[in-house]
Amino acid sequence: MKLYLSHASNFDYQTELYKPLKAAFMGKYEIYFPHDVENNGQNSKDIIATCDLVIAEVSRPSTGQGIELGWANAAGVPIICFHQENMKPSGAVKYVAKAMFSYTTTDSLVNELPKYLE
């Protein structure tokens, strides 16, 4: 299964998101991490259209992420959203998300996410 990870860029996503997801899911899923060095300059719109699913960390509002989710929705790519329990995502997310859940720690995220990937 090919996944595209969408997220805001105004937090330490390398530590809080990329590192735990890579540790838990490398070899199980093909996950595209848009801000990894090897992916700089690639056209996200084209990549999203080739994915089976977009997984989106939506705790923080982000114009760029909103555009990515719009591209996924327009391309018919399902979107699973998740957010930190103490954060409130944009209300618009519910209109494009196939499912949404909250998490408290990176461990709880890693444990909960696979339930939505089957």
PDB file of N, CA and C in Angstrom:
ATOM      1  N   MET A   1       0.847  -1.179   0.000  1.00  0.00           N
ATOM      2  CA  MET A   1       0.000   0.000   0.000  1.00  0.00           C
ATOM      3  C   MET A   1       0.891   1.240   0.000  1.00  0.00           C
ATOM      4  N   LYS A   2       0.591   2.145  -0.917  1.00  0.00           N
ATOM      5  CA  LYS A   2       1.371   3.375  -1.057  1.00  0.00           C
ATOM      6  C   LYS A   2       0.636   4.521  -0.363  1.00  0.00           C
ATOM      7  N   LEU A   3       1.313   5.145   0.615  1.00  0.00           N
ATOM      8  CA  LEU A   3       0.724   6.204   1.421  1.00  0.00           C
ATOM      9  C   LEU A   3       1.477   7.514   1.223  1.00  0.00           C
ATOM     10  N   TYR A   4       0.754   8.608   1.229  1.00  0.00           N
ATOM     11  CA  TYR A   4       1.354   9.944   1.210  1.00  0.00           C
ATOM     12  C   TYR A   4       1.072  10.569   2.569  1.00  0.00           C
ATOM     13  N   LEU A   5       2.112  11.043   3.244  1.00  0.00           N
ATOM     14  CA  LEU A   5       1.955  11.679   4.548  1.00  0.00           C
ATOM     15  C   LEU A   5       1.867  13.190   4.374  1.00  0.00           C
ATOM     16  N   SER A   6       0.734  13.757   4.735  1.00  0.00           N
ATOM     17  CA  SER A   6       0.519  15.203   4.655  1.00  0.00           C
ATOM     18  C   SER A   6       0.558  15.784   6.067  1.00  0.00           C
ATOM     19  N   HIS A   7       1.165  16.960   6.204  1.00  0.00           N
ATOM     20  CA  HIS A   7       1.268  17.596   7.516  1.00  0.00           C
ATOM     21  C   HIS A   7       1.659  19.058   7.357  1.00  0.00           C
ATOM     22  N   ALA A   8       1.464  19.824   8.419  1.00  0.00           N
ATOM     23  CA  ALA A   8       1.933  21.204   8.455  1.00  0.00           C
ATOM     24  C   ALA A   8       3.459  21.180   8.577  1.00  0.00           C
ATOM     25  N   SER A   9       4.075  22.309   8.311  1.00  0.00           N
ATOM     26  CA  SER A   9       5.540  22.353   8.408  1.00  0.00           C
ATOM     27  C   SER A   9       6.025  23.211   9.574  1.00  0.00           C
ATOM     28  N   ASN A  10       5.108  23.696  10.412  1.00  0.00           N
ATOM     29  CA  ASN A  10       5.498  24.595  11.493  1.00  0.00           C
ATOM     30  C   ASN A  10       5.658  23.887  12.843  1.00  0.00           C
ATOM     31  N   PHE A  11       6.195  22.674  12.812  1.00  0.00           N
ATOM     32  CA  PHE A  11       6.532  21.942  14.034  1.00  0.00           C
ATOM     33  C   PHE A  11       7.655  20.976  13.687  1.00  0.00           C
ATOM     34  N   ASP A  12       8.210  20.314  14.694  1.00  0.00           N
ATOM     35  CA  ASP A  12       9.331  19.399  14.470  1.00  0.00           C
ATOM     36  C   ASP A  12       8.807  18.057  13.951  1.00  0.00           C
ATOM     37  N   TYR A  13       8.362  18.058  12.711  1.00  0.00           N
ATOM     38  CA  TYR A  13       7.765  16.851  12.116  1.00  0.00           C
ATOM     39  C   TYR A  13       8.777  15.722  11.958  1.00  0.00           C
ATOM     40  N   GLN A  14      10.049  16.043  11.809  1.00  0.00           N
ATOM     41  CA  GLN A  14      11.060  14.981  11.690  1.00  0.00           C
ATOM     42  C   GLN A  14      11.071  14.114  12.953  1.00  0.00           C
ATOM     43  N   THR A  15      11.059  14.757  14.123  1.00  0.00           N
ATOM     44  CA  THR A  15      11.100  14.033  15.394  1.00  0.00           C
ATOM     45  C   THR A  15       9.729  13.504  15.802  1.00  0.00           C
ATOM     46  N   GLU A  16       8.716  14.342  15.678  1.00  0.00           N
ATOM     47  CA  GLU A  16       7.389  13.994  16.185  1.00  0.00           C
ATOM     48  C   GLU A  16       6.584  13.085  15.265  1.00  0.00           C
ATOM     49  N   LEU A  17       6.938  13.042  13.990  1.00  0.00           N
ATOM     50  CA  LEU A  17       6.115  12.309  13.026  1.00  0.00           C
ATOM     51  C   LEU A  17       6.936  11.333  12.187  1.00  0.00           C
ATOM     52  N   TYR A  18       7.934  11.837  11.490  1.00  0.00           N
ATOM     53  CA  TYR A  18       8.691  10.983  10.570  1.00  0.00           C
ATOM     54  C   TYR A  18       9.405   9.848  11.299  1.00  0.00           C
ATOM     55  N   LYS A  19      10.146  10.192  12.349  1.00  0.00           N
ATOM     56  CA  LYS A  19      10.938   9.173  13.048  1.00  0.00           C
ATOM     57  C   LYS A  19      10.073   8.028  13.583  1.00  0.00           C
ATOM     58  N   PRO A  20       8.980   8.299  14.321  1.00  0.00           N
ATOM     59  CA  PRO A  20       8.176   7.174  14.818  1.00  0.00           C
ATOM     60  C   PRO A  20       7.467   6.388  13.719  1.00  0.00           C
ATOM     61  N   LEU A  21       7.002   7.072  12.669  1.00  0.00           N
ATOM     62  CA  LEU A  21       6.325   6.349  11.587  1.00  0.00           C
ATOM     63  C   LEU A  21       7.302   5.485  10.802  1.00  0.00           C
ATOM     64  N   LYS A  22       8.497   5.991  10.564  1.00  0.00           N
ATOM     65  CA  LYS A  22       9.505   5.185   9.867  1.00  0.00           C
ATOM     66  C   LYS A  22       9.886   3.969  10.695  1.00  0.00           C
ATOM     67  N   ALA A  23      10.081   4.164  11.991  1.00  0.00           N
ATOM     68  CA  ALA A  23      10.463   3.050  12.865  1.00  0.00           C
ATOM     69  C   ALA A  23       9.382   1.975  12.904  1.00  0.00           C
ATOM     70  N   ALA A  24       8.135   2.385  12.913  1.00  0.00           N
ATOM     71  CA  ALA A  24       7.034   1.431  13.051  1.00  0.00           C
ATOM     72  C   ALA A  24       6.607   0.782  11.744  1.00  0.00           C
ATOM     73  N   PHE A  25       6.711   1.506  10.622  1.00  0.00           N
ATOM     74  CA  PHE A  25       6.054   1.038   9.401  1.00  0.00           C
ATOM     75  C   PHE A  25       6.946   0.801   8.193  1.00  0.00           C
ATOM     76  N   MET A  26       8.234   1.104   8.276  1.00  0.00           N
ATOM     77  CA  MET A  26       9.102   0.838   7.125  1.00  0.00           C
ATOM     78  C   MET A  26       9.105  -0.658   6.844  1.00  0.00           C
ATOM     79  N   GLY A  27       8.894  -1.013   5.608  1.00  0.00           N
ATOM     80  CA  GLY A  27       8.815  -2.413   5.216  1.00  0.00           C
ATOM     81  C   GLY A  27       7.388  -2.942   5.212  1.00  0.00           C
ATOM     82  N   LYS A  28       6.495  -2.281   5.937  1.00  0.00           N
ATOM     83  CA  LYS A  28       5.085  -2.688   5.956  1.00  0.00           C
ATOM     84  C   LYS A  28       4.271  -1.893   4.941  1.00  0.00           C
ATOM     85  N   TYR A  29       4.594  -0.607   4.835  1.00  0.00           N
ATOM     86  CA  TYR A  29       3.901   0.289   3.906  1.00  0.00           C
ATOM     87  C   TYR A  29       4.936   1.118   3.164  1.00  0.00           C
ATOM     88  N   GLU A  30       4.591   1.521   1.966  1.00  0.00           N
ATOM     89  CA  GLU A  30       5.431   2.457   1.224  1.00  0.00           C
ATOM     90  C   GLU A  30       4.903   3.857   1.544  1.00  0.00           C
ATOM     91  N   ILE A  31       5.627   4.572   2.399  1.00  0.00           N
ATOM     92  CA  ILE A  31       5.177   5.896   2.836  1.00  0.00           C
ATOM     93  C   ILE A  31       6.048   6.961   2.192  1.00  0.00           C
ATOM     94  N   TYR A  32       5.396   7.936   1.575  1.00  0.00           N
ATOM     95  CA  TYR A  32       6.097   9.074   0.980  1.00  0.00           C
ATOM     96  C   TYR A  32       6.141  10.190   2.020  1.00  0.00           C
ATOM     97  N   PHE A  33       7.351  10.557   2.422  1.00  0.00           N
ATOM     98  CA  PHE A  33       7.578  11.629   3.382  1.00  0.00           C
ATOM     99  C   PHE A  33       7.989  12.871   2.594  1.00  0.00           C
ATOM    100  N   PRO A  34       7.089  13.825   2.392  1.00  0.00           N
ATOM    101  CA  PRO A  34       7.321  14.914   1.443  1.00  0.00           C
ATOM    102  C   PRO A  34       8.500  15.822   1.755  1.00  0.00           C
ATOM    103  N   HIS A  35       8.906  15.921   3.016  1.00  0.00           N
ATOM    104  CA  HIS A  35       9.998  16.827   3.355  1.00  0.00           C
ATOM    105  C   HIS A  35      11.323  16.113   3.585  1.00  0.00           C
ATOM    106  N   ASP A  36      11.405  14.843   3.241  1.00  0.00           N
ATOM    107  CA  ASP A  36      12.708  14.176   3.254  1.00  0.00           C
ATOM    108  C   ASP A  36      13.562  14.778   2.148  1.00  0.00           C
ATOM    109  N   VAL A  37      14.850  14.854   2.379  1.00  0.00           N
ATOM    110  CA  VAL A  37      15.775  15.499   1.439  1.00  0.00           C
ATOM    111  C   VAL A  37      15.629  14.941   0.031  1.00  0.00           C
ATOM    112  N   GLU A  38      15.504  13.637  -0.102  1.00  0.00           N
ATOM    113  CA  GLU A  38      15.432  13.026  -1.436  1.00  0.00           C
ATOM    114  C   GLU A  38      14.146  13.382  -2.186  1.00  0.00           C
ATOM    115  N   ASN A  39      13.171  13.941  -1.486  1.00  0.00           N
ATOM    116  CA  ASN A  39      11.904  14.292  -2.130  1.00  0.00           C
ATOM    117  C   ASN A  39      11.760  15.783  -2.432  1.00  0.00           C
ATOM    118  N   ASN A  40      12.766  16.577  -2.089  1.00  0.00           N
ATOM    119  CA  ASN A  40      12.712  18.020  -2.361  1.00  0.00           C
ATOM    120  C   ASN A  40      12.549  18.280  -3.852  1.00  0.00           C
ATOM    121  N   GLY A  41      11.653  19.187  -4.174  1.00  0.00           N
ATOM    122  CA  GLY A  41      11.455  19.578  -5.563  1.00  0.00           C
ATOM    123  C   GLY A  41      10.519  18.691  -6.354  1.00  0.00           C
ATOM    124  N   GLN A  42      10.002  17.633  -5.743  1.00  0.00           N
ATOM    125  CA  GLN A  42       9.077  16.759  -6.461  1.00  0.00           C
ATOM    126  C   GLN A  42       7.669  17.355  -6.434  1.00  0.00           C
ATOM    127  N   ASN A  43       6.887  17.044  -7.442  1.00  0.00           N
ATOM    128  CA  ASN A  43       5.534  17.566  -7.565  1.00  0.00           C
ATOM    129  C   ASN A  43       4.571  16.720  -6.729  1.00  0.00           C
ATOM    130  N   SER A  44       4.176  17.253  -5.585  1.00  0.00           N
ATOM    131  CA  SER A  44       3.297  16.514  -4.670  1.00  0.00           C
ATOM    132  C   SER A  44       1.966  16.145  -5.306  1.00  0.00           C
ATOM    133  N   LYS A  45       1.436  17.004  -6.140  1.00  0.00           N
ATOM    134  CA  LYS A  45       0.137  16.735  -6.765  1.00  0.00           C
ATOM    135  C   LYS A  45       0.186  15.445  -7.575  1.00  0.00           C
ATOM    136  N   ASP A  46       1.236  15.267  -8.356  1.00  0.00           N
ATOM    137  CA  ASP A  46       1.376  14.049  -9.161  1.00  0.00           C
ATOM    138  C   ASP A  46       1.588  12.824  -8.289  1.00  0.00           C
ATOM    139  N   ILE A  47       2.357  12.968  -7.219  1.00  0.00           N
ATOM    140  CA  ILE A  47       2.636  11.839  -6.327  1.00  0.00           C
ATOM    141  C   ILE A  47       1.366  11.415  -5.597  1.00  0.00           C
ATOM    142  N   ILE A  48       0.618  12.374  -5.086  1.00  0.00           N
ATOM    143  CA  ILE A  48      -0.630  12.072  -4.371  1.00  0.00           C
ATOM    144  C   ILE A  48      -1.578  11.268  -5.257  1.00  0.00           C
ATOM    145  N   ALA A  49      -1.667  11.623  -6.517  1.00  0.00           N
ATOM    146  CA  ALA A  49      -2.582  10.942  -7.446  1.00  0.00           C
ATOM    147  C   ALA A  49      -2.225   9.476  -7.651  1.00  0.00           C
ATOM    148  N   THR A  50      -0.975   9.087  -7.369  1.00  0.00           N
ATOM    149  CA  THR A  50      -0.545   7.696  -7.547  1.00  0.00           C
ATOM    150  C   THR A  50      -0.663   6.876  -6.260  1.00  0.00           C
ATOM    151  N   CYS A  51      -1.063   7.510  -5.168  1.00  0.00           N
ATOM    152  CA  CYS A  51      -1.114   6.827  -3.875  1.00  0.00           C
ATOM    153  C   CYS A  51      -2.460   6.138  -3.654  1.00  0.00           C
ATOM    154  N   ASP A  52      -2.430   5.121  -2.798  1.00  0.00           N
ATOM    155  CA  ASP A  52      -3.648   4.419  -2.410  1.00  0.00           C
ATOM    156  C   ASP A  52      -4.409   5.179  -1.329  1.00  0.00           C
ATOM    157  N   LEU A  53      -3.670   5.966  -0.542  1.00  0.00           N
ATOM    158  CA  LEU A  53      -4.258   6.626   0.617  1.00  0.00           C
ATOM    159  C   LEU A  53      -3.378   7.797   1.029  1.00  0.00           C
ATOM    160  N   VAL A  54      -4.003   8.872   1.495  1.00  0.00           N
ATOM    161  CA  VAL A  54      -3.277   9.974   2.126  1.00  0.00           C
ATOM    162  C   VAL A  54      -3.542   9.885   3.618  1.00  0.00           C
ATOM    163  N   ILE A  55      -2.472   9.915   4.405  1.00  0.00           N
ATOM    164  CA  ILE A  55      -2.607  10.003   5.854  1.00  0.00           C
ATOM    165  C   ILE A  55      -2.175  11.417   6.228  1.00  0.00           C
ATOM    166  N   ALA A  56      -2.982  12.090   7.035  1.00  0.00           N
ATOM    167  CA  ALA A  56      -2.759  13.511   7.282  1.00  0.00           C
ATOM    168  C   ALA A  56      -2.770  13.838   8.767  1.00  0.00           C
ATOM    169  N   GLU A  57      -1.667  14.406   9.245  1.00  0.00           N
ATOM    170  CA  GLU A  57      -1.576  14.916  10.609  1.00  0.00           C
ATOM    171  C   GLU A  57      -2.136  16.337  10.553  1.00  0.00           C
ATOM    172  N   VAL A  58      -3.315  16.558  11.130  1.00  0.00           N
ATOM    173  CA  VAL A  58      -4.044  17.817  10.945  1.00  0.00           C
ATOM    174  C   VAL A  58      -4.175  18.642  12.230  1.00  0.00           C
ATOM    175  N   SER A  59      -3.253  18.487  13.160  1.00  0.00           N
ATOM    176  CA  SER A  59      -3.323  19.228  14.420  1.00  0.00           C
ATOM    177  C   SER A  59      -3.170  20.729  14.237  1.00  0.00           C
ATOM    178  N   ARG A  60      -2.390  21.135  13.237  1.00  0.00           N
ATOM    179  CA  ARG A  60      -2.105  22.553  13.015  1.00  0.00           C
ATOM    180  C   ARG A  60      -2.642  22.991  11.658  1.00  0.00           C
ATOM    181  N   PRO A  61      -3.277  24.159  11.592  1.00  0.00           N
ATOM    182  CA  PRO A  61      -3.759  24.642  10.296  1.00  0.00           C
ATOM    183  C   PRO A  61      -2.591  24.897   9.345  1.00  0.00           C
ATOM    184  N   SER A  62      -2.788  24.564   8.082  1.00  0.00           N
ATOM    185  CA  SER A  62      -1.730  24.729   7.086  1.00  0.00           C
ATOM    186  C   SER A  62      -2.359  24.899   5.711  1.00  0.00           C
ATOM    187  N   THR A  63      -2.062  26.010   5.073  1.00  0.00           N
ATOM    188  CA  THR A  63      -2.584  26.249   3.728  1.00  0.00           C
ATOM    189  C   THR A  63      -2.081  25.194   2.755  1.00  0.00           C
ATOM    190  N   GLY A  64      -0.792  24.897   2.817  1.00  0.00           N
ATOM    191  CA  GLY A  64      -0.216  23.895   1.916  1.00  0.00           C
ATOM    192  C   GLY A  64      -0.860  22.536   2.090  1.00  0.00           C
ATOM    193  N   GLN A  65      -1.099  22.151   3.328  1.00  0.00           N
ATOM    194  CA  GLN A  65      -1.750  20.873   3.569  1.00  0.00           C
ATOM    195  C   GLN A  65      -3.179  20.885   3.044  1.00  0.00           C
ATOM    196  N   GLY A  66      -3.873  21.994   3.206  1.00  0.00           N
ATOM    197  CA  GLY A  66      -5.228  22.095   2.665  1.00  0.00           C
ATOM    198  C   GLY A  66      -5.244  21.879   1.163  1.00  0.00           C
ATOM    199  N   ILE A  67      -4.244  22.428   0.482  1.00  0.00           N
ATOM    200  CA  ILE A  67      -4.128  22.227  -0.966  1.00  0.00           C
ATOM    201  C   ILE A  67      -3.882  20.753  -1.269  1.00  0.00           C
ATOM    202  N   GLU A  68      -2.974  20.118  -0.522  1.00  0.00           N
ATOM    203  CA  GLU A  68      -2.701  18.689  -0.737  1.00  0.00           C
ATOM    204  C   GLU A  68      -3.956  17.846  -0.535  1.00  0.00           C
ATOM    205  N   LEU A  69      -4.710  18.133   0.514  1.00  0.00           N
ATOM    206  CA  LEU A  69      -5.928  17.358   0.773  1.00  0.00           C
ATOM    207  C   LEU A  69      -6.965  17.595  -0.319  1.00  0.00           C
ATOM    208  N   GLY A  70      -7.018  18.795  -0.841  1.00  0.00           N
ATOM    209  CA  GLY A  70      -7.902  19.076  -1.975  1.00  0.00           C
ATOM    210  C   GLY A  70      -7.504  18.291  -3.208  1.00  0.00           C
ATOM    211  N   TRP A  71      -6.197  18.214  -3.476  1.00  0.00           N
ATOM    212  CA  TRP A  71      -5.716  17.418  -4.615  1.00  0.00           C
ATOM    213  C   TRP A  71      -6.103  15.954  -4.441  1.00  0.00           C
ATOM    214  N   ALA A  72      -5.896  15.421  -3.228  1.00  0.00           N
ATOM    215  CA  ALA A  72      -6.232  14.015  -2.967  1.00  0.00           C
ATOM    216  C   ALA A  72      -7.725  13.781  -3.166  1.00  0.00           C
ATOM    217  N   ASN A  73      -8.529  14.652  -2.618  1.00  0.00           N
ATOM    218  CA  ASN A  73      -9.977  14.521  -2.745  1.00  0.00           C
ATOM    219  C   ASN A  73     -10.400  14.569  -4.214  1.00  0.00           C
ATOM    220  N   ALA A  74      -9.859  15.502  -4.969  1.00  0.00           N
ATOM    221  CA  ALA A  74     -10.204  15.637  -6.390  1.00  0.00           C
ATOM    222  C   ALA A  74      -9.770  14.418  -7.193  1.00  0.00           C
ATOM    223  N   ALA A  75      -8.669  13.781  -6.774  1.00  0.00           N
ATOM    224  CA  ALA A  75      -8.158  12.603  -7.474  1.00  0.00           C
ATOM    225  C   ALA A  75      -8.832  11.315  -7.006  1.00  0.00           C
ATOM    226  N   GLY A  76      -9.718  11.410  -6.021  1.00  0.00           N
ATOM    227  CA  GLY A  76     -10.394  10.221  -5.509  1.00  0.00           C
ATOM    228  C   GLY A  76      -9.538   9.377  -4.589  1.00  0.00           C
ATOM    229  N   VAL A  77      -8.484   9.960  -4.037  1.00  0.00           N
ATOM    230  CA  VAL A  77      -7.606   9.238  -3.111  1.00  0.00           C
ATOM    231  C   VAL A  77      -8.174   9.417  -1.699  1.00  0.00           C
ATOM    232  N   PRO A  78      -8.503   8.325  -1.005  1.00  0.00           N
ATOM    233  CA  PRO A  78      -9.057   8.440   0.349  1.00  0.00           C
ATOM    234  C   PRO A  78      -8.069   9.117   1.301  1.00  0.00           C
ATOM    235  N   ILE A  79      -8.617   9.807   2.297  1.00  0.00           N
ATOM    236  CA  ILE A  79      -7.811  10.562   3.261  1.00  0.00           C
ATOM    237  C   ILE A  79      -8.178  10.120   4.672  1.00  0.00           C
ATOM    238  N   ILE A  80      -7.165   9.736   5.450  1.00  0.00           N
ATOM    239  CA  ILE A  80      -7.328   9.428   6.863  1.00  0.00           C
ATOM    240  C   ILE A  80      -6.618  10.534   7.635  1.00  0.00           C
ATOM    241  N   CYS A  81      -7.351  11.217   8.513  1.00  0.00           N
ATOM    242  CA  CYS A  81      -6.780  12.324   9.281  1.00  0.00           C
ATOM    243  C   CYS A  81      -6.608  11.931  10.744  1.00  0.00           C
ATOM    244  N   PHE A  82      -5.581  12.470  11.357  1.00  0.00           N
ATOM    245  CA  PHE A  82      -5.360  12.273  12.784  1.00  0.00           C
ATOM    246  C   PHE A  82      -4.792  13.551  13.368  1.00  0.00           C
ATOM    247  N   HIS A  83      -5.069  13.763  14.658  1.00  0.00           N
ATOM    248  CA  HIS A  83      -4.609  14.983  15.322  1.00  0.00           C
ATOM    249  C   HIS A  83      -4.340  14.710  16.790  1.00  0.00           C
ATOM    250  N   GLN A  84      -3.489  15.549  17.371  1.00  0.00           N
ATOM    251  CA  GLN A  84      -3.211  15.439  18.795  1.00  0.00           C
ATOM    252  C   GLN A  84      -4.501  15.735  19.555  1.00  0.00           C
ATOM    253  N   GLU A  85      -4.726  14.970  20.606  1.00  0.00           N
ATOM    254  CA  GLU A  85      -5.984  15.053  21.342  1.00  0.00           C
ATOM    255  C   GLU A  85      -6.274  16.463  21.870  1.00  0.00           C
ATOM    256  N   ASN A  86      -5.250  17.192  22.240  1.00  0.00           N
ATOM    257  CA  ASN A  86      -5.439  18.527  22.815  1.00  0.00           C
ATOM    258  C   ASN A  86      -5.485  19.633  21.759  1.00  0.00           C
ATOM    259  N   MET A  87      -5.506  19.283  20.486  1.00  0.00           N
ATOM    260  CA  MET A  87      -5.529  20.254  19.390  1.00  0.00           C
ATOM    261  C   MET A  87      -6.854  20.113  18.632  1.00  0.00           C
ATOM    262  N   LYS A  88      -7.304  21.222  18.055  1.00  0.00           N
ATOM    263  CA  LYS A  88      -8.555  21.193  17.289  1.00  0.00           C
ATOM    264  C   LYS A  88      -8.244  21.443  15.816  1.00  0.00           C
ATOM    265  N   PRO A  89      -8.457  20.447  14.966  1.00  0.00           N
ATOM    266  CA  PRO A  89      -8.185  20.635  13.534  1.00  0.00           C
ATOM    267  C   PRO A  89      -9.219  21.552  12.881  1.00  0.00           C
ATOM    268  N   SER A  90      -8.893  22.021  11.717  1.00  0.00           N
ATOM    269  CA  SER A  90      -9.815  22.845  10.937  1.00  0.00           C
ATOM    270  C   SER A  90     -11.121  22.089  10.711  1.00  0.00           C
ATOM    271  N   GLY A  91     -12.226  22.796  10.801  1.00  0.00           N
ATOM    272  CA  GLY A  91     -13.531  22.169  10.592  1.00  0.00           C
ATOM    273  C   GLY A  91     -13.724  21.637   9.184  1.00  0.00           C
ATOM    274  N   ALA A  92     -13.010  22.190   8.215  1.00  0.00           N
ATOM    275  CA  ALA A  92     -13.160  21.766   6.820  1.00  0.00           C
ATOM    276  C   ALA A  92     -12.638  20.355   6.578  1.00  0.00           C
ATOM    277  N   VAL A  93     -11.753  19.884   7.436  1.00  0.00           N
ATOM    278  CA  VAL A  93     -11.137  18.565   7.240  1.00  0.00           C
ATOM    279  C   VAL A  93     -12.189  17.464   7.203  1.00  0.00           C
ATOM    280  N   LYS A  94     -13.230  17.599   8.002  1.00  0.00           N
ATOM    281  CA  LYS A  94     -14.248  16.540   8.075  1.00  0.00           C
ATOM    282  C   LYS A  94     -14.954  16.301   6.745  1.00  0.00           C
ATOM    283  N   TYR A  95     -14.911  17.264   5.855  1.00  0.00           N
ATOM    284  CA  TYR A  95     -15.594  17.112   4.568  1.00  0.00           C
ATOM    285  C   TYR A  95     -14.804  16.283   3.558  1.00  0.00           C
ATOM    286  N   VAL A  96     -13.518  16.122   3.788  1.00  0.00           N
ATOM    287  CA  VAL A  96     -12.708  15.332   2.855  1.00  0.00           C
ATOM    288  C   VAL A  96     -12.175  14.045   3.479  1.00  0.00           C
ATOM    289  N   ALA A  97     -12.245  13.934   4.798  1.00  0.00           N
ATOM    290  CA  ALA A  97     -11.669  12.772   5.485  1.00  0.00           C
ATOM    291  C   ALA A  97     -12.609  11.573   5.445  1.00  0.00           C
ATOM    292  N   LYS A  98     -12.047  10.434   5.087  1.00  0.00           N
ATOM    293  CA  LYS A  98     -12.782   9.169   5.168  1.00  0.00           C
ATOM    294  C   LYS A  98     -12.955   8.791   6.637  1.00  0.00           C
ATOM    295  N   ALA A  99     -11.937   9.107   7.441  1.00  0.00           N
ATOM    296  CA  ALA A  99     -11.957   8.830   8.877  1.00  0.00           C
ATOM    297  C   ALA A  99     -11.027   9.813   9.572  1.00  0.00           C
ATOM    298  N   MET A 100     -11.283  10.023  10.871  1.00  0.00           N
ATOM    299  CA  MET A 100     -10.431  10.894  11.660  1.00  0.00           C
ATOM    300  C   MET A 100     -10.339  10.338  13.074  1.00  0.00           C
ATOM    301  N   PHE A 101      -9.154  10.426  13.661  1.00  0.00           N
ATOM    302  CA  PHE A 101      -8.988  10.004  15.046  1.00  0.00           C
ATOM    303  C   PHE A 101      -7.977  10.907  15.734  1.00  0.00           C
ATOM    304  N   SER A 102      -8.011  10.884  17.066  1.00  0.00           N
ATOM    305  CA  SER A 102      -7.056  11.670  17.845  1.00  0.00           C
ATOM    306  C   SER A 102      -6.078  10.728  18.536  1.00  0.00           C
ATOM    307  N   TYR A 103      -4.942  11.287  18.910  1.00  0.00           N
ATOM    308  CA  TYR A 103      -3.920  10.511  19.609  1.00  0.00           C
ATOM    309  C   TYR A 103      -3.309  11.375  20.708  1.00  0.00           C
ATOM    310  N   THR A 104      -2.702  10.717  21.697  1.00  0.00           N
ATOM    311  CA  THR A 104      -2.103  11.442  22.819  1.00  0.00           C
ATOM    312  C   THR A 104      -0.586  11.451  22.759  1.00  0.00           C
ATOM    313  N   THR A 105       0.005  10.377  22.271  1.00  0.00           N
ATOM    314  CA  THR A 105       1.463  10.254  22.177  1.00  0.00           C
ATOM    315  C   THR A 105       1.815   9.638  20.825  1.00  0.00           C
ATOM    316  N   THR A 106       3.081   9.692  20.466  1.00  0.00           N
ATOM    317  CA  THR A 106       3.474   9.047  19.209  1.00  0.00           C
ATOM    318  C   THR A 106       3.239   7.543  19.283  1.00  0.00           C
ATOM    319  N   ASP A 107       3.401   6.959  20.465  1.00  0.00           N
ATOM    320  CA  ASP A 107       3.115   5.527  20.610  1.00  0.00           C
ATOM    321  C   ASP A 107       1.644   5.235  20.334  1.00  0.00           C
ATOM    322  N   SER A 108       0.756   6.081  20.834  1.00  0.00           N
ATOM    323  CA  SER A 108      -0.672   5.842  20.578  1.00  0.00           C
ATOM    324  C   SER A 108      -1.000   6.051  19.099  1.00  0.00           C
ATOM    325  N   LEU A 109      -0.322   6.988  18.447  1.00  0.00           N
ATOM    326  CA  LEU A 109      -0.511   7.178  17.001  1.00  0.00           C
ATOM    327  C   LEU A 109      -0.095   5.927  16.243  1.00  0.00           C
ATOM    328  N   VAL A 110       1.080   5.420  16.554  1.00  0.00           N
ATOM    329  CA  VAL A 110       1.606   4.231  15.876  1.00  0.00           C
ATOM    330  C   VAL A 110       0.710   3.020  16.111  1.00  0.00           C
ATOM    331  N   ASN A 111       0.101   2.923  17.275  1.00  0.00           N
ATOM    332  CA  ASN A 111      -0.793   1.801  17.574  1.00  0.00           C
ATOM    333  C   ASN A 111      -2.159   1.942  16.913  1.00  0.00           C
ATOM    334  N   GLU A 112      -2.658   3.157  16.788  1.00  0.00           N
ATOM    335  CA  GLU A 112      -4.005   3.396  16.258  1.00  0.00           C
ATOM    336  C   GLU A 112      -4.045   3.419  14.730  1.00  0.00           C
ATOM    337  N   LEU A 113      -3.044   3.988  14.099  1.00  0.00           N
ATOM    338  CA  LEU A 113      -3.063   4.193  12.647  1.00  0.00           C
ATOM    339  C   LEU A 113      -3.315   2.920  11.835  1.00  0.00           C
ATOM    340  N   PRO A 114      -2.686   1.791  12.148  1.00  0.00           N
ATOM    341  CA  PRO A 114      -2.913   0.586  11.327  1.00  0.00           C
ATOM    342  C   PRO A 114      -4.372   0.147  11.239  1.00  0.00           C
ATOM    343  N   LYS A 115      -5.179   0.476  12.224  1.00  0.00           N
ATOM    344  CA  LYS A 115      -6.602   0.115  12.193  1.00  0.00           C
ATOM    345  C   LYS A 115      -7.318   0.757  11.005  1.00  0.00           C
ATOM    346  N   TYR A 116      -6.782   1.864  10.532  1.00  0.00           N
ATOM    347  CA  TYR A 116      -7.409   2.601   9.432  1.00  0.00           C
ATOM    348  C   TYR A 116      -6.774   2.285   8.078  1.00  0.00           C
ATOM    349  N   LEU A 117      -5.769   1.452   8.085  1.00  0.00           N
ATOM    350  CA  LEU A 117      -5.036   1.148   6.855  1.00  0.00           C
ATOM    351  C   LEU A 117      -5.422  -0.192   6.260  1.00  0.00           C
ATOM    352  N   GLU A 118      -6.383  -0.864   6.840  1.00  0.00           N
ATOM    353  CA  GLU A 118      -6.769  -2.193   6.355  1.00  0.00           C
ATOM    354  C   GLU A 118      -8.047  -2.150   5.562  1.00  0.00           C
TER     355      GLU A 118
END
